[in-house]
Protein backbone atom coordinates (compact mmCIF):
# COMPACT_ATOMS: atom_id res chain seq x y z
CA UNK A 1 18.15 -170.05 48.66
CA UNK A 2 17.30 -166.65 47.19
CA UNK A 3 20.97 -165.68 47.27
CA UNK A 4 21.93 -168.82 45.32
CA UNK A 5 19.19 -168.13 42.78
CA UNK A 6 20.43 -164.54 42.43
CA UNK A 7 23.98 -165.70 41.81
CA UNK A 8 22.82 -168.23 39.22
CA UNK A 9 20.65 -165.57 37.62
CA UNK A 10 23.58 -163.17 37.45
CA UNK A 11 25.81 -165.86 35.93
CA UNK A 12 23.18 -166.60 33.29
CA UNK A 13 22.78 -162.92 32.53
CA UNK A 14 26.51 -162.51 32.05
CA UNK A 15 26.79 -165.77 30.11
CA UNK A 16 24.01 -164.83 27.73
CA UNK A 17 25.88 -161.87 26.41
CA UNK A 18 25.29 -159.06 28.86
CA UNK A 19 29.06 -158.51 29.07
CA UNK A 20 28.98 -155.98 26.23
CA UNK A 21 29.18 -152.28 27.13
CA UNK A 22 25.88 -150.81 28.34
CA UNK A 23 24.65 -147.47 29.62
CA UNK A 24 22.75 -147.64 32.90
CA UNK A 25 20.70 -144.64 33.95
CA UNK A 26 20.34 -143.92 37.64
CA UNK A 27 17.34 -142.31 39.36
CA UNK A 28 19.38 -139.17 40.08
CA UNK A 29 19.91 -138.64 36.33
CA UNK A 30 23.53 -139.82 36.06
CA UNK A 31 24.56 -142.51 33.60
CA UNK A 32 27.10 -145.31 34.04
CA UNK A 33 28.78 -146.72 30.95
CA UNK A 34 30.57 -150.03 31.20
CA UNK A 35 30.16 -153.79 31.34
CA UNK A 36 27.81 -155.38 33.85
CA UNK A 37 29.96 -158.00 35.59
CA UNK A 38 27.46 -159.25 38.16
CA UNK A 39 23.87 -158.79 39.23
CA UNK A 40 22.38 -159.64 42.60
CA UNK A 41 19.07 -158.70 44.21
CA UNK A 42 20.90 -155.99 46.17
CA UNK A 43 23.42 -154.53 43.74
CA UNK A 44 24.79 -154.40 40.22
CA UNK A 45 28.55 -154.42 39.63
CA UNK A 46 29.67 -152.41 36.61
CA UNK A 47 33.22 -152.38 35.25
CA UNK A 48 33.82 -148.88 33.87
CA UNK A 49 36.90 -147.16 32.47
CA UNK A 50 37.31 -145.60 35.95
CA UNK A 51 37.15 -148.91 37.80
CA UNK A 52 34.59 -151.21 39.36
CA UNK A 53 31.41 -149.51 40.59
CA UNK A 54 28.80 -151.19 42.78
CA UNK A 55 25.34 -149.71 42.40
CA UNK A 56 22.45 -150.62 44.71
CA UNK A 57 19.48 -151.86 42.64
CA UNK A 58 17.04 -149.30 44.18
CA UNK A 59 19.19 -146.47 42.74
CA UNK A 60 18.76 -147.74 39.16
CA UNK A 61 16.11 -146.26 36.88
CA UNK A 62 13.28 -148.50 35.69
CA UNK A 63 14.82 -148.66 32.19
CA UNK A 64 18.16 -149.79 33.65
CA UNK A 65 16.42 -152.45 35.74
CA UNK A 66 14.70 -153.77 32.62
CA UNK A 67 17.96 -153.67 30.67
CA UNK A 68 19.80 -155.86 33.16
CA UNK A 69 16.72 -157.97 33.82
CA UNK A 70 16.29 -157.56 37.56
CA UNK A 71 12.92 -158.75 38.73
CA UNK A 72 12.48 -161.09 35.73
CA UNK A 73 13.58 -164.61 36.56
CA UNK A 74 15.28 -166.45 33.72
CA UNK A 75 13.09 -168.79 31.75
CA UNK A 76 13.72 -172.54 31.66
CA UNK A 77 14.82 -172.11 28.05
CA UNK A 78 17.51 -169.64 29.16
CA UNK A 79 18.71 -172.09 31.81
CA UNK A 80 18.81 -174.91 29.26
CA UNK A 81 20.64 -172.76 26.73
CA UNK A 82 23.28 -171.83 29.30
CA UNK A 83 23.66 -175.44 30.45
CA UNK A 84 24.10 -176.59 26.83
CA UNK A 85 26.68 -173.85 26.28
CA UNK A 86 28.61 -174.88 29.41
CA UNK A 87 28.46 -178.59 28.50
CA UNK A 88 29.87 -177.80 25.04
CA UNK A 89 32.67 -175.80 26.64
CA UNK A 90 33.46 -178.64 29.05
CA UNK A 91 33.61 -181.13 26.16
CA UNK A 92 35.99 -178.91 24.18
CA UNK A 93 38.22 -178.47 27.25
CA UNK A 94 38.27 -182.23 27.85
CA UNK A 95 39.33 -182.82 24.22
CA UNK A 96 42.01 -180.14 24.52
CA UNK A 97 43.23 -181.70 27.75
CA UNK A 98 43.45 -185.13 26.08
CA UNK A 99 45.53 -183.62 23.26
CA UNK A 100 47.88 -181.97 25.75
CA UNK A 101 48.25 -185.23 27.64
CA UNK A 102 49.06 -187.03 24.41
CA UNK A 103 51.62 -184.34 23.50
CA UNK A 104 52.99 -184.40 27.04
CA UNK A 105 53.85 -188.10 26.70
CA UNK A 106 56.55 -187.27 24.14
CA UNK A 107 59.20 -184.61 24.02
CA UNK A 108 58.15 -181.89 21.54
CA UNK A 109 61.68 -181.49 20.13
CA UNK A 110 62.58 -185.14 19.57
CA UNK A 111 59.38 -187.17 19.72
CA UNK A 112 61.11 -189.43 22.27
CA UNK A 113 59.01 -190.43 25.30
CA UNK A 114 59.59 -187.98 28.14
CA UNK A 115 60.45 -190.76 30.57
CA UNK A 116 63.68 -191.38 28.62
CA UNK A 117 64.57 -187.69 28.19
CA UNK A 118 66.85 -186.49 30.99
CA UNK A 119 67.24 -182.84 31.96
CA UNK A 120 70.70 -181.38 31.43
CA UNK A 121 71.29 -181.41 35.19
CA UNK A 122 70.94 -185.21 35.19
CA UNK A 123 72.88 -185.88 31.99
CA UNK A 124 75.73 -188.40 32.23
CA UNK A 125 78.41 -185.69 32.11
CA UNK A 126 77.10 -184.30 35.41
CA UNK A 127 76.80 -187.72 37.08
CA UNK A 128 78.31 -187.99 40.55
CA UNK A 129 82.06 -188.51 40.54
CA UNK A 130 83.46 -191.36 42.58
CA UNK A 131 84.86 -190.40 45.96
CA UNK A 132 88.45 -191.05 46.95
CA UNK A 133 87.50 -194.60 47.90
CA UNK A 134 86.03 -195.12 44.40
CA UNK A 135 82.36 -195.40 45.48
CA UNK A 136 79.47 -193.42 44.08
CA UNK A 137 76.89 -194.52 46.69
CA UNK A 138 76.94 -194.82 50.46
CA UNK A 139 74.44 -195.75 53.15
CA UNK A 140 73.98 -193.46 56.13
CA UNK A 141 73.30 -194.67 59.68
CA UNK A 142 69.55 -194.24 59.01
CA UNK A 143 69.65 -196.68 56.07
CA UNK A 144 69.29 -194.03 53.38
CA UNK A 145 71.35 -194.37 50.19
CA UNK A 146 73.12 -191.18 49.04
CA UNK A 147 75.15 -190.51 45.91
CA UNK A 148 78.52 -188.77 46.00
CA UNK A 149 76.96 -185.40 45.09
CA UNK A 150 74.66 -185.38 48.13
CA UNK A 151 75.45 -183.33 51.23
CA UNK A 152 74.75 -186.41 53.38
CA UNK A 153 77.15 -188.64 51.44
CA UNK A 154 79.92 -190.21 53.48
CA UNK A 155 82.43 -192.62 52.04
CA UNK A 156 82.49 -194.69 55.24
CA UNK A 157 79.81 -197.23 54.25
CA UNK A 158 79.92 -197.86 50.49
CA UNK A 159 76.97 -199.62 48.88
CA UNK A 160 75.47 -200.51 45.52
CA UNK A 161 73.12 -198.33 43.49
CA UNK A 162 70.07 -200.29 44.70
CA UNK A 163 70.95 -200.93 48.36
CA UNK A 164 68.98 -199.33 51.16
CA UNK A 165 66.33 -196.65 50.71
CA UNK A 166 66.97 -193.84 48.22
CA UNK A 167 67.54 -190.38 49.70
CA UNK A 168 64.67 -188.01 48.88
CA UNK A 169 67.12 -185.18 48.23
CA UNK A 170 69.63 -186.77 45.86
CA UNK A 171 67.66 -189.81 44.73
CA UNK A 172 70.39 -192.14 45.98
């Protein structure tokens, strides 16, 4: 339970604007400059220009601990502010998703519904050519319908375009 609270606390800290560059003083006198990316009861993760550095909380100076807020649980107002912020973000993403879905229903170039737009590979000029027997579809011994462009097509058992079960490879 404490671990979950620490993760939530770290997420709130980061979400409330602690992602800006900070200088953290250590007990040995050294200073880390970078962005605090996560905070847990055991360590602080800082993204510096030299890479990611994990610092155990006991090695931080008292000023650094106060700066990142370890030991001070977030207030209910901070939780509510973060929840409101996340709910607003979710709403904006849902609206954006609805717009994309609406745009996705039509082709951006022509405005024609996508269901009637065929890729170049399926255009009529690349339709299967009739075999020597003049058929474009055939049923295999398993009952699958293949078109003349399929590797499983055989001209031995010609059929109509809707007979049998469509092949999953060629679409029959």
